[in-house]
Structure formats: C-alpha cells, structure tokens
Amino acid sequence: MLKIRLRRTGARKKPNYRLVVADSAAPRDGQFIEIIGFYDPLTDPATVRIDGERARRWLGQGAQPTERVARLLAREGIGAGAPAAASAATPA
C-alpha cells in the first residue's frame, strides 16, 4: 500500500519535512517514489508547500495520507485530506 507521509530532513533540533509518496513498508527516511511537498514547522506561521495536482493524483490512485499529512492537506484545501481531518477532529 502507498502512503503519503513526512520524511524528516534538516539538522538536529531543526527539522524540516518533505511530503513523499512511499511504500508503507519502507523506512521513514528510506526509499520513496515522489516528493510532492515541503513542511517547515519552525517558521511562524509554519511553511507548507504542496503540489496540489500531484497530491490529488496520488490520492486518486489510492495512496493513504498519514494523520499529520491529512491535516496539512486539509489546511491547504486539497482533495480527500479535508473530510478525513474534519471527521477525526469532530468529537463523538
């Protein structure tokens, strides 16, 4: 199964992340298929750049975003990430 997840880059205590499409069995910073975005949590506000067209394409092909990536996609208003994040945030 394919996942859209964060891949950590940057120095110690100064993380940057890339949004990548990878096989779910691959290690966090291991092999990936494609980079579709960038996330820097240390800037104020956090910097998020996502190629919406590529993200929608991978979501359409069945790639599953992780929880954090689903929230980032929802924040950017991209595809299937929005309903998943909204339903997860709604109290039962």
C-alpha atoms as a PDB file:
ATOM      1  CA  MET A   1       0.000   0.000   0.000  1.00  0.00           C
ATOM      2  CA  LEU A   2       1.196   3.517  -0.770  1.00  0.00           C
ATOM      3  CA  LYS A   3       1.340   6.201   1.901  1.00  0.00           C
ATOM      4  CA  ILE A   4       1.724   9.949   1.697  1.00  0.00           C
ATOM      5  CA  ARG A   5       3.874  10.784   4.690  1.00  0.00           C
ATOM      6  CA  LEU A   6       6.525  13.096   6.087  1.00  0.00           C
ATOM      7  CA  ARG A   7      10.226  12.465   5.566  1.00  0.00           C
ATOM      8  CA  ARG A   8      12.463  14.269   8.022  1.00  0.00           C
ATOM      9  CA  THR A   9      15.338  16.386   6.730  1.00  0.00           C
ATOM     10  CA  GLY A  10      17.404  19.153   8.321  1.00  0.00           C
ATOM     11  CA  ALA A  11      19.806  19.277  11.233  1.00  0.00           C
ATOM     12  CA  ARG A  12      19.403  18.051  14.771  1.00  0.00           C
ATOM     13  CA  LYS A  13      16.726  20.085  16.598  1.00  0.00           C
ATOM     14  CA  LYS A  14      15.964  21.969  13.354  1.00  0.00           C
ATOM     15  CA  PRO A  15      13.613  19.664  11.471  1.00  0.00           C
ATOM     16  CA  ASN A  16      12.227  20.207   8.003  1.00  0.00           C
ATOM     17  CA  TYR A  17       9.975  17.682   6.354  1.00  0.00           C
ATOM     18  CA  ARG A  18       9.240  16.620   2.805  1.00  0.00           C
ATOM     19  CA  LEU A  19       5.864  15.181   1.868  1.00  0.00           C
ATOM     20  CA  VAL A  20       6.639  11.998  -0.026  1.00  0.00           C
ATOM     21  CA  VAL A  21       4.741   9.128  -1.583  1.00  0.00           C
ATOM     22  CA  ALA A  22       6.301   5.880  -0.364  1.00  0.00           C
ATOM     23  CA  ASP A  23       5.510   2.219   0.122  1.00  0.00           C
ATOM     24  CA  SER A  24       4.153   1.656   3.624  1.00  0.00           C
ATOM     25  CA  ALA A  25       6.879  -0.948   4.313  1.00  0.00           C
ATOM     26  CA  ALA A  26       9.726   1.485   3.529  1.00  0.00           C
ATOM     27  CA  PRO A  27      11.516   3.174   6.464  1.00  0.00           C
ATOM     28  CA  ARG A  28      10.589   6.776   7.365  1.00  0.00           C
ATOM     29  CA  ASP A  29      13.677   8.298   5.729  1.00  0.00           C
ATOM     30  CA  GLY A  30      14.185   5.479   3.251  1.00  0.00           C
ATOM     31  CA  GLN A  31      13.155   4.889  -0.332  1.00  0.00           C
ATOM     32  CA  PHE A  32      10.274   6.915  -1.764  1.00  0.00           C
ATOM     33  CA  ILE A  33       8.502   7.289  -5.090  1.00  0.00           C
ATOM     34  CA  GLU A  34       7.990  11.046  -5.379  1.00  0.00           C
ATOM     35  CA  ILE A  35       8.345  14.272  -3.385  1.00  0.00           C
ATOM     36  CA  ILE A  36       5.084  16.246  -3.517  1.00  0.00           C
ATOM     37  CA  GLY A  37       5.676  18.966  -0.953  1.00  0.00           C
ATOM     38  CA  PHE A  38       7.576  20.619   1.873  1.00  0.00           C
ATOM     39  CA  TYR A  39       6.738  21.428   5.524  1.00  0.00           C
ATOM     40  CA  ASP A  40       8.771  23.602   7.910  1.00  0.00           C
ATOM     41  CA  PRO A  41       7.198  23.685  11.398  1.00  0.00           C
ATOM     42  CA  LEU A  42       9.771  26.111  12.864  1.00  0.00           C
ATOM     43  CA  THR A  43       8.731  29.198  10.911  1.00  0.00           C
ATOM     44  CA  ASP A  44       5.933  31.391  12.243  1.00  0.00           C
ATOM     45  CA  PRO A  45       3.469  30.529  10.759  1.00  0.00           C
ATOM     46  CA  ALA A  46       4.598  27.089   9.620  1.00  0.00           C
ATOM     47  CA  THR A  47       5.586  26.937   5.947  1.00  0.00           C
ATOM     48  CA  VAL A  48       3.654  24.406   3.870  1.00  0.00           C
ATOM     49  CA  ARG A  49       4.102  23.991   0.110  1.00  0.00           C
ATOM     50  CA  ILE A  50       2.243  21.133  -1.557  1.00  0.00           C
ATOM     51  CA  ASP A  51       1.875  20.376  -5.269  1.00  0.00           C
ATOM     52  CA  GLY A  52      -1.917  20.011  -5.202  1.00  0.00           C
ATOM     53  CA  GLU A  53      -2.173  18.417  -8.636  1.00  0.00           C
ATOM     54  CA  ARG A  54       0.312  15.642  -7.757  1.00  0.00           C
ATOM     55  CA  ALA A  55      -1.276  15.102  -4.324  1.00  0.00           C
ATOM     56  CA  ARG A  56      -4.744  14.700  -5.875  1.00  0.00           C
ATOM     57  CA  ARG A  57      -3.328  12.283  -8.453  1.00  0.00           C
ATOM     58  CA  TRP A  58      -1.804  10.039  -5.769  1.00  0.00           C
ATOM     59  CA  LEU A  59      -4.916  10.212  -3.594  1.00  0.00           C
ATOM     60  CA  GLY A  60      -6.962   9.220  -6.653  1.00  0.00           C
ATOM     61  CA  GLN A  61      -4.697   6.211  -7.161  1.00  0.00           C
ATOM     62  CA  GLY A  62      -5.345   5.024  -3.612  1.00  0.00           C
ATOM     63  CA  ALA A  63      -2.427   6.446  -1.595  1.00  0.00           C
ATOM     64  CA  GLN A  64      -3.385   6.911   2.056  1.00  0.00           C
ATOM     65  CA  PRO A  65      -2.176  10.051   3.893  1.00  0.00           C
ATOM     66  CA  THR A  66      -0.934   9.776   7.458  1.00  0.00           C
ATOM     67  CA  GLU A  67      -2.812  11.731  10.143  1.00  0.00           C
ATOM     68  CA  ARG A  68      -0.450  14.720  10.065  1.00  0.00           C
ATOM     69  CA  VAL A  69      -0.375  14.812   6.264  1.00  0.00           C
ATOM     70  CA  ALA A  70      -4.184  14.641   6.136  1.00  0.00           C
ATOM     71  CA  ARG A  71      -4.304  17.736   8.359  1.00  0.00           C
ATOM     72  CA  LEU A  72      -1.779  19.544   6.165  1.00  0.00           C
ATOM     73  CA  LEU A  73      -3.757  18.632   3.032  1.00  0.00           C
ATOM     74  CA  ALA A  74      -6.973  19.846   4.660  1.00  0.00           C
ATOM     75  CA  ARG A  75      -5.290  23.105   5.647  1.00  0.00           C
ATOM     76  CA  GLU A  76      -4.270  23.613   2.019  1.00  0.00           C
ATOM     77  CA  GLY A  77      -7.758  22.574   0.817  1.00  0.00           C
ATOM     78  CA  ILE A  78      -6.569  19.576  -1.182  1.00  0.00           C
ATOM     79  CA  GLY A  79      -8.783  16.600  -2.029  1.00  0.00           C
ATOM     80  CA  ALA A  80      -9.541  13.696   0.287  1.00  0.00           C
ATOM     81  CA  GLY A  81      -7.450  15.074   3.154  1.00  0.00           C
ATOM     82  CA  ALA A  82     -10.164  17.589   4.105  1.00  0.00           C
ATOM     83  CA  PRO A  83     -13.039  15.214   5.051  1.00  0.00           C
ATOM     84  CA  ALA A  84     -10.737  12.793   6.901  1.00  0.00           C
ATOM     85  CA  ALA A  85      -9.270  15.568   9.039  1.00  0.00           C
ATOM     86  CA  ALA A  86     -12.674  17.127   9.710  1.00  0.00           C
ATOM     87  CA  SER A  87     -14.249  13.856  10.807  1.00  0.00           C
ATOM     88  CA  ALA A  88     -11.262  12.985  13.007  1.00  0.00           C
ATOM     89  CA  ALA A  89     -11.484  16.347  14.785  1.00  0.00           C
ATOM     90  CA  THR A  90     -15.240  16.067  15.429  1.00  0.00           C
ATOM     91  CA  PRO A  91     -15.964  14.801  18.964  1.00  0.00           C
ATOM     92  CA  ALA A  92     -18.181  11.729  19.245  1.00  0.00           C
END
